[in-house]
Protein backbone atom coordinates (compact mmCIF):
# COMPACT_ATOMS: atom_id res chain seq x y z
CA UNK A 1 4.75 25.50 10.74
CA UNK A 2 4.32 28.69 8.75
CA UNK A 3 5.87 28.74 5.26
CA UNK A 4 8.15 31.70 4.52
CA UNK A 5 6.88 34.20 1.98
CA UNK A 6 8.86 33.97 -1.25
CA UNK A 7 10.40 37.33 -2.22
CA UNK A 8 8.95 37.16 -5.75
CA UNK A 9 5.39 36.82 -4.44
CA UNK A 10 5.94 39.44 -1.74
CA UNK A 11 7.02 41.98 -4.39
CA UNK A 12 4.23 40.96 -6.78
CA UNK A 13 1.71 41.41 -3.97
CA UNK A 14 3.16 44.80 -3.07
CA UNK A 15 2.82 45.93 -6.69
CA UNK A 16 -0.80 44.75 -6.80
CA UNK A 17 -1.55 46.62 -3.56
CA UNK A 18 0.06 49.83 -4.88
CA UNK A 19 -1.94 49.62 -8.12
CA UNK A 20 -5.16 48.91 -6.22
CA UNK A 21 -4.61 51.78 -3.78
CA UNK A 22 -3.78 54.06 -6.71
CA UNK A 23 -7.29 53.46 -8.03
CA UNK A 24 -8.76 54.10 -4.58
CA UNK A 25 -10.16 50.57 -4.42
CA UNK A 26 -10.60 48.32 -1.44
CA UNK A 27 -9.50 44.70 -1.51
CA UNK A 28 -13.19 43.81 -1.60
CA UNK A 29 -13.75 45.95 -4.70
CA UNK A 30 -10.78 44.44 -6.52
CA UNK A 31 -11.89 40.89 -5.66
CA UNK A 32 -15.40 41.60 -6.91
CA UNK A 33 -14.06 42.90 -10.22
CA UNK A 34 -12.39 39.58 -11.08
CA UNK A 35 -13.97 36.64 -12.90
CA UNK A 36 -14.40 34.44 -10.95
CA UNK A 37 -14.71 36.80 -8.03
CA UNK A 38 -12.18 36.61 -5.20
CA UNK A 39 -12.84 37.32 -1.54
CA UNK A 40 -11.28 40.21 0.32
CA UNK A 41 -9.22 37.66 2.27
CA UNK A 42 -7.93 36.12 -0.97
CA UNK A 43 -6.82 39.54 -2.25
CA UNK A 44 -5.19 40.25 1.13
CA UNK A 45 -3.26 36.98 0.90
CA UNK A 46 -2.15 37.79 -2.66
CA UNK A 47 -0.98 41.24 -1.58
CA UNK A 48 0.97 39.78 1.36
CA UNK A 49 2.63 37.23 -0.93
CA UNK A 50 1.09 34.36 1.02
CA UNK A 51 -0.80 33.00 -1.98
CA UNK A 52 0.62 32.17 -5.38
CA UNK A 53 -1.12 33.66 -8.40
CA UNK A 54 -2.32 31.66 -11.38
CA UNK A 55 -1.45 33.17 -14.75
CA UNK A 56 -5.07 33.85 -15.71
CA UNK A 57 -5.62 35.54 -12.34
CA UNK A 58 -2.56 37.75 -12.91
CA UNK A 59 -3.96 38.76 -16.30
CA UNK A 60 -7.40 39.46 -14.79
CA UNK A 61 -5.83 41.52 -11.99
CA UNK A 62 -3.80 43.54 -14.48
CA UNK A 63 -6.84 44.26 -16.64
CA UNK A 64 -8.95 45.25 -13.63
CA UNK A 65 -6.19 47.57 -12.41
CA UNK A 66 -5.53 49.11 -15.84
CA UNK A 67 -2.03 47.62 -15.93
CA UNK A 68 -0.22 45.03 -17.99
CA UNK A 69 0.88 41.78 -16.35
CA UNK A 70 4.47 42.91 -16.91
CA UNK A 71 3.75 46.08 -14.89
CA UNK A 72 2.79 43.95 -11.90
CA UNK A 73 5.64 41.44 -12.16
CA UNK A 74 8.82 42.18 -10.23
CA UNK A 75 11.76 43.03 -12.48
CA UNK A 76 14.18 40.24 -13.27
CA UNK A 77 17.31 40.64 -11.21
CA UNK A 78 19.86 40.56 -14.02
CA UNK A 79 20.44 40.11 -17.76
CA UNK A 80 21.48 36.55 -16.96
CA UNK A 81 18.08 35.89 -15.39
CA UNK A 82 16.34 37.32 -18.46
CA UNK A 83 18.37 34.98 -20.67
CA UNK A 84 17.55 32.04 -18.40
CA UNK A 85 13.81 32.75 -18.63
CA UNK A 86 14.03 33.19 -22.40
CA UNK A 87 15.90 29.90 -22.73
CA UNK A 88 13.38 28.17 -20.47
CA UNK A 89 10.50 29.43 -22.61
CA UNK A 90 12.46 28.38 -25.71
CA UNK A 91 12.70 24.85 -24.31
CA UNK A 92 8.94 24.55 -23.76
CA UNK A 93 7.01 22.26 -26.09
CA UNK A 94 4.88 25.08 -27.51
CA UNK A 95 4.32 26.47 -30.99
CA UNK A 96 6.58 29.49 -31.72
CA UNK A 97 3.65 31.93 -31.58
CA UNK A 98 2.74 30.71 -28.07
CA UNK A 99 6.35 31.11 -26.92
CA UNK A 100 6.40 34.63 -28.34
CA UNK A 101 3.10 35.46 -26.61
CA UNK A 102 4.42 34.14 -23.29
CA UNK A 103 7.61 36.20 -23.54
CA UNK A 104 5.55 39.27 -24.48
CA UNK A 105 3.26 38.64 -21.49
CA UNK A 106 6.33 38.56 -19.27
CA UNK A 107 7.59 41.81 -20.78
CA UNK A 108 10.69 40.16 -22.28
CA UNK A 109 12.22 40.35 -25.75
CA UNK A 110 10.54 37.81 -27.99
CA UNK A 111 13.68 36.32 -29.52
CA UNK A 112 15.16 33.68 -27.25
CA UNK A 113 18.90 33.38 -26.94
CA UNK A 114 18.85 29.90 -28.49
CA UNK A 115 16.90 31.17 -31.52
CA UNK A 116 19.21 34.14 -31.87
CA UNK A 117 22.24 31.81 -32.04
CA UNK A 118 20.71 29.61 -34.78
């Protein structure tokens, strides 16, 4: 049975495809520009939202496409969702500088709601 495509990955894939097409690149060209290289089929699956993207692959894609990872990520649906992500990052067992870097990578404000209340 075929798994449904998650809306987040469908939109992420669409944004990757738009950025790639904006550079005039083929899926093959984009795949070859990544380290490690990806096949044309792998890029096609990413663009269709059929394949999840590892964080380091998202960063590599963004760099290759002249974008930031935040440019490729779908926007969060609401301020409540932003707060939820910030709180989730705040709850991670990471040093503060890593939490800040993760929020920055996601294009979110670097002060979590929990920290702001302290």
